[in-house]
N, C-alpha and C. Protein backbone atom coordinates (compact mmCIF):
# COMPACT_ATOMS: atom_id res chain seq x y z
N MET A 1 96.32 -130.90 14.10
CA MET A 1 95.03 -130.71 14.44
C MET A 1 95.01 -130.35 15.85
N HIS A 2 95.37 -131.08 16.80
CA HIS A 2 95.16 -130.45 18.03
C HIS A 2 96.68 -130.27 18.72
N ARG A 3 97.18 -129.11 18.40
CA ARG A 3 98.32 -128.52 18.61
C ARG A 3 98.63 -128.10 20.23
N ASN A 4 97.54 -127.87 20.64
CA ASN A 4 97.80 -127.37 21.95
C ASN A 4 97.12 -128.39 23.06
N LYS A 5 97.34 -130.01 22.78
CA LYS A 5 96.64 -131.24 23.07
C LYS A 5 97.40 -132.52 22.76
N ILE A 6 97.67 -133.47 23.62
CA ILE A 6 98.29 -134.70 23.64
C ILE A 6 97.45 -135.58 23.64
N LEU A 7 97.38 -136.90 23.23
CA LEU A 7 96.53 -137.77 23.08
C LEU A 7 97.47 -139.10 24.03
N VAL A 8 96.90 -139.18 25.06
CA VAL A 8 97.63 -140.35 25.80
C VAL A 8 96.34 -141.73 26.44
N GLU A 9 97.53 -142.30 26.82
CA GLU A 9 96.18 -143.47 27.05
C GLU A 9 96.61 -143.78 28.45
N LEU A 10 95.22 -143.68 29.00
CA LEU A 10 95.43 -143.58 30.76
C LEU A 10 94.82 -144.83 31.62
N TYR A 11 95.55 -145.26 31.95
CA TYR A 11 95.04 -146.86 32.73
C TYR A 11 95.16 -146.58 34.31
N ILE A 12 93.60 -146.73 34.70
CA ILE A 12 93.21 -146.62 36.12
C ILE A 12 93.06 -148.11 36.78
N PRO A 13 94.43 -148.70 37.36
CA PRO A 13 93.80 -150.14 38.03
C PRO A 13 92.86 -150.16 38.93
N LEU A 14 92.43 -148.88 39.41
CA LEU A 14 91.54 -149.29 41.03
C LEU A 14 90.20 -149.61 40.18
N ILE A 15 89.83 -149.27 39.01
CA ILE A 15 88.61 -149.52 38.16
C ILE A 15 88.90 -150.56 36.80
N GLU A 16 90.15 -151.15 36.91
CA GLU A 16 90.76 -151.71 35.58
C GLU A 16 90.20 -151.17 34.50
N LYS A 17 90.01 -149.92 34.12
CA LYS A 17 90.06 -149.64 32.80
C LYS A 17 91.22 -148.93 32.25
N SER A 18 91.22 -148.40 30.83
CA SER A 18 91.80 -147.53 30.15
C SER A 18 91.16 -146.72 29.37
N TYR A 19 91.69 -145.43 28.93
CA TYR A 19 91.02 -144.78 28.48
C TYR A 19 91.90 -143.62 27.69
N ASP A 20 91.88 -143.22 26.18
CA ASP A 20 92.23 -142.64 25.61
C ASP A 20 91.67 -141.37 25.65
N LEU A 21 92.73 -140.39 26.20
CA LEU A 21 92.13 -139.03 26.57
C LEU A 21 93.23 -138.06 25.80
N TYR A 22 92.42 -137.05 25.52
CA TYR A 22 93.26 -135.89 25.07
C TYR A 22 93.60 -134.94 26.29
N ILE A 23 94.78 -134.30 26.39
CA ILE A 23 95.33 -133.46 27.77
C ILE A 23 95.61 -132.10 27.05
N PRO A 24 95.52 -131.01 27.43
CA PRO A 24 96.00 -129.84 27.17
C PRO A 24 97.85 -129.88 27.50
N ILE A 25 98.40 -129.18 27.07
CA ILE A 25 99.86 -129.26 27.05
C ILE A 25 100.08 -128.09 27.90
N ASN A 26 99.60 -126.96 27.96
CA ASN A 26 99.76 -125.73 28.56
C ASN A 26 99.09 -125.81 30.02
N LYS A 27 98.26 -127.03 30.85
CA LYS A 27 97.74 -127.32 32.03
C LYS A 27 99.24 -127.91 33.17
N LYS A 28 98.64 -127.56 34.00
CA LYS A 28 99.64 -128.25 35.01
C LYS A 28 99.05 -129.61 35.53
N ILE A 29 99.98 -130.91 35.59
CA ILE A 29 99.65 -131.86 35.53
C ILE A 29 98.54 -132.13 37.15
N GLY A 30 99.02 -131.20 38.07
CA GLY A 30 97.83 -131.79 39.11
C GLY A 30 96.49 -131.27 38.59
N THR A 31 96.56 -130.22 37.41
CA THR A 31 94.73 -129.45 37.23
C THR A 31 94.12 -130.70 36.02
N VAL A 32 95.62 -131.44 35.65
CA VAL A 32 94.51 -132.34 34.46
C VAL A 32 94.17 -133.29 35.28
N LYS A 33 95.27 -133.67 36.17
CA LYS A 33 94.71 -134.96 37.09
C LYS A 33 93.41 -134.85 38.18
N LYS A 34 92.94 -133.73 38.59
CA LYS A 34 91.79 -133.01 39.49
C LYS A 34 90.73 -133.41 38.28
N LEU A 35 90.66 -132.85 36.89
CA LEU A 35 89.78 -132.84 36.03
C LEU A 35 89.38 -134.22 35.93
N ILE A 36 90.39 -134.98 35.77
CA ILE A 36 90.19 -136.31 35.27
C ILE A 36 89.52 -137.21 36.33
N GLU A 37 90.26 -137.10 37.54
CA GLU A 37 89.28 -137.39 38.76
C GLU A 37 87.86 -137.25 39.21
N GLU A 38 87.54 -135.78 38.76
CA GLU A 38 86.34 -135.33 38.89
C GLU A 38 85.60 -136.14 37.67
N GLY A 39 86.01 -136.20 36.49
CA GLY A 39 85.17 -137.14 35.42
C GLY A 39 85.13 -138.54 36.30
N LEU A 40 86.21 -139.35 36.58
CA LEU A 40 85.77 -140.51 36.90
C LEU A 40 84.93 -140.70 38.09
N VAL A 41 84.60 -139.69 38.87
CA VAL A 41 84.00 -140.11 40.05
C VAL A 41 82.14 -139.95 39.49
N GLN A 42 82.33 -139.06 38.39
CA GLN A 42 81.17 -138.83 37.49
C GLN A 42 80.45 -140.32 36.99
N LEU A 43 81.76 -140.80 36.12
CA LEU A 43 81.60 -142.32 35.35
C LEU A 43 81.29 -143.20 36.02
N THR A 44 81.67 -143.15 37.54
CA THR A 44 81.54 -144.33 38.55
C THR A 44 80.61 -144.27 39.33
N ASP A 45 79.68 -143.35 39.17
CA ASP A 45 78.41 -142.99 40.07
C ASP A 45 78.84 -142.89 41.45
N ASN A 46 79.89 -141.93 41.58
CA ASN A 46 80.39 -142.00 42.79
C ASN A 46 81.27 -143.05 43.59
N SER A 47 81.59 -143.94 43.11
CA SER A 47 82.51 -145.05 43.63
C SER A 47 83.61 -144.78 43.59
N TYR A 48 84.21 -144.04 42.70
CA TYR A 48 85.56 -143.80 42.66
C TYR A 48 85.94 -142.43 43.53
N GLU A 49 87.17 -142.76 44.55
CA GLU A 49 87.09 -141.46 45.44
C GLU A 49 88.34 -140.69 45.24
N ILE A 50 88.18 -139.83 45.00
CA ILE A 50 89.23 -138.69 45.04
C ILE A 50 90.43 -138.85 46.23
N LYS A 51 91.69 -139.09 46.13
CA LYS A 51 92.69 -138.67 47.47
C LYS A 51 93.91 -137.94 46.79
N GLU A 52 93.88 -137.25 47.66
CA GLU A 52 95.41 -136.38 47.33
C GLU A 52 96.50 -137.01 47.12
N GLU A 53 96.84 -138.54 47.75
CA GLU A 53 97.95 -138.91 47.12
C GLU A 53 97.95 -139.77 45.88
N THR A 54 97.36 -139.25 44.79
CA THR A 54 96.79 -140.28 43.63
C THR A 54 97.89 -139.34 42.81
N ASN A 55 98.61 -140.01 41.90
CA ASN A 55 99.42 -139.37 41.34
C ASN A 55 99.42 -140.23 39.88
N PHE A 56 100.17 -139.74 38.48
CA PHE A 56 100.31 -139.98 37.48
C PHE A 56 101.48 -140.64 37.33
N TYR A 57 101.85 -141.76 36.38
CA TYR A 57 103.02 -142.56 36.49
C TYR A 57 103.14 -143.12 34.98
N SER A 58 104.66 -142.94 34.45
CA SER A 58 104.94 -143.38 33.50
C SER A 58 104.70 -144.58 33.25
N LYS A 59 104.01 -145.37 32.37
CA LYS A 59 103.66 -146.71 32.52
C LYS A 59 105.03 -147.55 32.03
N GLU A 60 105.77 -146.90 31.01
CA GLU A 60 107.09 -147.40 30.40
C GLU A 60 108.24 -147.24 31.65
N THR A 61 108.18 -145.96 32.57
CA THR A 61 109.33 -146.25 33.45
C THR A 61 108.91 -146.29 34.96
N GLY A 62 107.84 -146.16 35.33
CA GLY A 62 107.36 -145.86 36.58
C GLY A 62 107.43 -144.92 37.45
N LEU A 63 108.15 -143.51 36.83
CA LEU A 63 108.52 -142.41 37.10
C LEU A 63 107.07 -141.65 37.61
N VAL A 64 107.06 -141.03 38.72
CA VAL A 64 105.94 -140.02 38.81
C VAL A 64 105.89 -138.58 38.41
N TYR A 65 104.77 -138.05 37.69
CA TYR A 65 105.10 -136.51 37.24
C TYR A 65 104.82 -135.80 38.41
N ASP A 66 105.25 -134.78 38.05
CA ASP A 66 105.36 -133.77 39.36
C ASP A 66 104.12 -132.99 39.07
N VAL A 67 103.04 -132.70 39.82
CA VAL A 67 101.60 -131.77 39.89
C VAL A 67 102.15 -130.71 39.62
N ASN A 68 103.19 -130.50 39.91
CA ASN A 68 103.43 -128.43 39.57
C ASN A 68 104.09 -128.34 38.01
N LYS A 69 104.57 -129.51 37.34
CA LYS A 69 104.87 -129.14 36.00
C LYS A 69 103.62 -129.17 34.95
N SER A 70 103.79 -128.23 33.93
CA SER A 70 103.02 -128.23 33.03
C SER A 70 103.20 -129.56 32.17
N VAL A 71 102.10 -130.03 31.44
CA VAL A 71 102.25 -131.09 30.40
C VAL A 71 103.12 -131.02 29.76
N ARG A 72 103.77 -129.78 29.05
CA ARG A 72 104.35 -129.52 28.36
C ARG A 72 106.20 -129.54 28.49
N GLU A 73 106.03 -129.41 30.15
CA GLU A 73 107.63 -129.57 30.72
C GLU A 73 107.90 -131.46 31.22
N THR A 74 107.16 -131.62 30.88
CA THR A 74 107.37 -133.30 31.18
C THR A 74 107.71 -133.87 29.64
N ASP A 75 107.94 -135.17 29.91
CA ASP A 75 108.48 -135.99 28.50
C ASP A 75 107.19 -136.72 28.16
N LEU A 76 105.96 -135.98 28.61
CA LEU A 76 104.68 -136.70 27.91
C LEU A 76 104.35 -136.17 26.33
N LYS A 77 103.83 -136.85 25.36
CA LYS A 77 103.77 -136.78 24.12
C LYS A 77 102.79 -137.68 23.41
N ASN A 78 101.99 -137.28 22.35
CA ASN A 78 101.25 -138.38 21.80
C ASN A 78 101.53 -139.62 21.69
N GLY A 79 100.47 -140.68 22.48
CA GLY A 79 100.84 -142.04 22.44
C GLY A 79 101.73 -142.33 24.06
N SER A 80 101.94 -141.41 24.69
CA SER A 80 102.41 -141.77 26.33
C SER A 80 101.57 -142.73 26.69
N ARG A 81 101.61 -143.37 27.55
CA ARG A 81 100.84 -144.40 28.29
C ARG A 81 100.95 -144.05 30.06
N ILE A 82 99.97 -143.59 30.73
CA ILE A 82 100.49 -142.96 31.94
C ILE A 82 99.37 -143.88 32.50
N ILE A 83 99.82 -144.06 34.21
CA ILE A 83 99.00 -144.97 35.26
C ILE A 83 98.53 -143.80 36.26
N LEU A 84 97.22 -143.88 36.62
CA LEU A 84 96.74 -143.22 37.93
C LEU A 84 96.79 -144.23 38.99
N ILE A 85 97.29 -143.74 39.73
CA ILE A 85 97.18 -144.75 41.34
C ILE A 85 98.12 -143.63 42.28
């Protein structure tokens, strides 16, 4: 159904919320992070602050995802769990 997207679980400790999101596999991690953070600003009525040092981490391994790699170039797949900190 969604061949160009994967479903991931995103946890954001800063606001203590989790979201299930479809993310495009052909976009760079940095682009996906920016789009998600812009959405979080809107969802939280501007209480979420976008910071350059924020990154995606694997919930399983704790490793950081390179913002210059596309989602396809990482180990992310349907059902992956990531953290935004």
